[in-house]
Amino acid sequence: MNESTNSESPAQILARQIVERLVEERLISAKTAGKLQQQLAAGKLRPEDWRLPIELGPEQEAQS
């Protein structure tokens, strides 16, 4: 995992760790991770926001 910087809030650190793990496990693409990370850190991510990216997975998303 990456070293956290002093400028990151605890919510940002946790969000980064979560999306890094999802990408590592190949559940979402790196492109999607960036979008989800911002919403997750802000507490604005809803269950339906996760559904499509995880159902598509990184391979299918790259094709679309």
C-alpha atoms as a PDB file:
ATOM      1  CA  MET A   1       0.000   0.000   0.000  1.00  0.00           C
ATOM      2  CA  ASN A   2       1.037   3.572  -0.517  1.00  0.00           C
ATOM      3  CA  GLU A   3       2.340   5.709   2.311  1.00  0.00           C
ATOM      4  CA  SER A   4      -0.246   8.235   3.436  1.00  0.00           C
ATOM      5  CA  THR A   5       0.546  11.893   3.238  1.00  0.00           C
ATOM      6  CA  ASN A   6      -0.079  14.400   5.987  1.00  0.00           C
ATOM      7  CA  SER A   7      -2.540  16.278   3.788  1.00  0.00           C
ATOM      8  CA  GLU A   8      -4.989  13.360   3.595  1.00  0.00           C
ATOM      9  CA  SER A   9      -7.863  13.153   6.036  1.00  0.00           C
ATOM     10  CA  PRO A  10      -8.664   9.819   7.693  1.00  0.00           C
ATOM     11  CA  ALA A  11     -11.672   9.468   5.365  1.00  0.00           C
ATOM     12  CA  GLN A  12      -9.458  10.016   2.309  1.00  0.00           C
ATOM     13  CA  ILE A  13      -6.898   7.485   3.532  1.00  0.00           C
ATOM     14  CA  LEU A  14      -9.569   4.859   4.142  1.00  0.00           C
ATOM     15  CA  ALA A  15     -11.242   5.531   0.784  1.00  0.00           C
ATOM     16  CA  ARG A  16      -7.893   5.192  -0.993  1.00  0.00           C
ATOM     17  CA  GLN A  17      -7.151   1.906   0.755  1.00  0.00           C
ATOM     18  CA  ILE A  18     -10.589   0.515  -0.105  1.00  0.00           C
ATOM     19  CA  VAL A  19     -10.445   1.351  -3.802  1.00  0.00           C
ATOM     20  CA  GLU A  20      -6.817   0.190  -4.089  1.00  0.00           C
ATOM     21  CA  ARG A  21      -7.908  -3.181  -2.735  1.00  0.00           C
ATOM     22  CA  LEU A  22     -10.878  -3.374  -5.119  1.00  0.00           C
ATOM     23  CA  VAL A  23      -8.547  -2.676  -8.065  1.00  0.00           C
ATOM     24  CA  GLU A  24      -5.992  -5.172  -6.744  1.00  0.00           C
ATOM     25  CA  GLU A  25      -8.709  -7.841  -6.526  1.00  0.00           C
ATOM     26  CA  ARG A  26      -9.793  -6.881 -10.065  1.00  0.00           C
ATOM     27  CA  LEU A  27     -13.312  -5.975  -8.998  1.00  0.00           C
ATOM     28  CA  ILE A  28     -13.176  -2.484 -10.499  1.00  0.00           C
ATOM     29  CA  SER A  29     -10.951  -0.652 -12.979  1.00  0.00           C
ATOM     30  CA  ALA A  30      -8.397   1.963 -11.965  1.00  0.00           C
ATOM     31  CA  LYS A  31     -10.411   4.547 -13.903  1.00  0.00           C
ATOM     32  CA  THR A  32     -13.533   3.786 -11.878  1.00  0.00           C
ATOM     33  CA  ALA A  33     -11.531   3.736  -8.651  1.00  0.00           C
ATOM     34  CA  GLY A  34     -10.660   7.409  -8.999  1.00  0.00           C
ATOM     35  CA  LYS A  35     -14.293   8.395  -9.345  1.00  0.00           C
ATOM     36  CA  LEU A  36     -15.494   6.181  -6.513  1.00  0.00           C
ATOM     37  CA  GLN A  37     -12.693   7.222  -4.171  1.00  0.00           C
ATOM     38  CA  GLN A  38     -13.715  10.884  -4.197  1.00  0.00           C
ATOM     39  CA  GLN A  39     -17.374  10.080  -3.520  1.00  0.00           C
ATOM     40  CA  LEU A  40     -16.493   7.520  -0.847  1.00  0.00           C
ATOM     41  CA  ALA A  41     -14.225   9.930   1.042  1.00  0.00           C
ATOM     42  CA  ALA A  42     -16.960  12.569   0.952  1.00  0.00           C
ATOM     43  CA  GLY A  43     -19.561  10.096   2.267  1.00  0.00           C
ATOM     44  CA  LYS A  44     -21.697  10.512  -0.845  1.00  0.00           C
ATOM     45  CA  LEU A  45     -21.453   6.979  -2.244  1.00  0.00           C
ATOM     46  CA  ARG A  46     -24.723   5.039  -2.351  1.00  0.00           C
ATOM     47  CA  PRO A  47     -25.105   1.255  -2.757  1.00  0.00           C
ATOM     48  CA  GLU A  48     -26.283   1.672  -6.339  1.00  0.00           C
ATOM     49  CA  ASP A  49     -23.090   3.592  -7.154  1.00  0.00           C
ATOM     50  CA  TRP A  50     -21.080   0.408  -6.509  1.00  0.00           C
ATOM     51  CA  ARG A  51     -23.336  -2.013  -8.361  1.00  0.00           C
ATOM     52  CA  LEU A  52     -22.632  -1.311 -12.027  1.00  0.00           C
ATOM     53  CA  PRO A  53     -18.841  -0.919 -11.801  1.00  0.00           C
ATOM     54  CA  ILE A  54     -18.508  -4.167  -9.866  1.00  0.00           C
ATOM     55  CA  GLU A  55     -20.924  -6.031 -12.142  1.00  0.00           C
ATOM     56  CA  LEU A  56     -19.034  -4.839 -15.208  1.00  0.00           C
ATOM     57  CA  GLY A  57     -15.603  -5.474 -13.762  1.00  0.00           C
ATOM     58  CA  PRO A  58     -12.428  -4.007 -15.240  1.00  0.00           C
ATOM     59  CA  GLU A  59     -12.394  -6.106 -18.436  1.00  0.00           C
ATOM     60  CA  GLN A  60     -15.929  -5.306 -19.575  1.00  0.00           C
ATOM     61  CA  GLU A  61     -15.634  -1.653 -18.606  1.00  0.00           C
ATOM     62  CA  ALA A  62     -12.474  -1.274 -20.710  1.00  0.00           C
ATOM     63  CA  GLN A  63     -14.357  -2.582 -23.746  1.00  0.00           C
ATOM     64  CA  SER A  64     -17.239  -0.117 -23.418  1.00  0.00           C
END
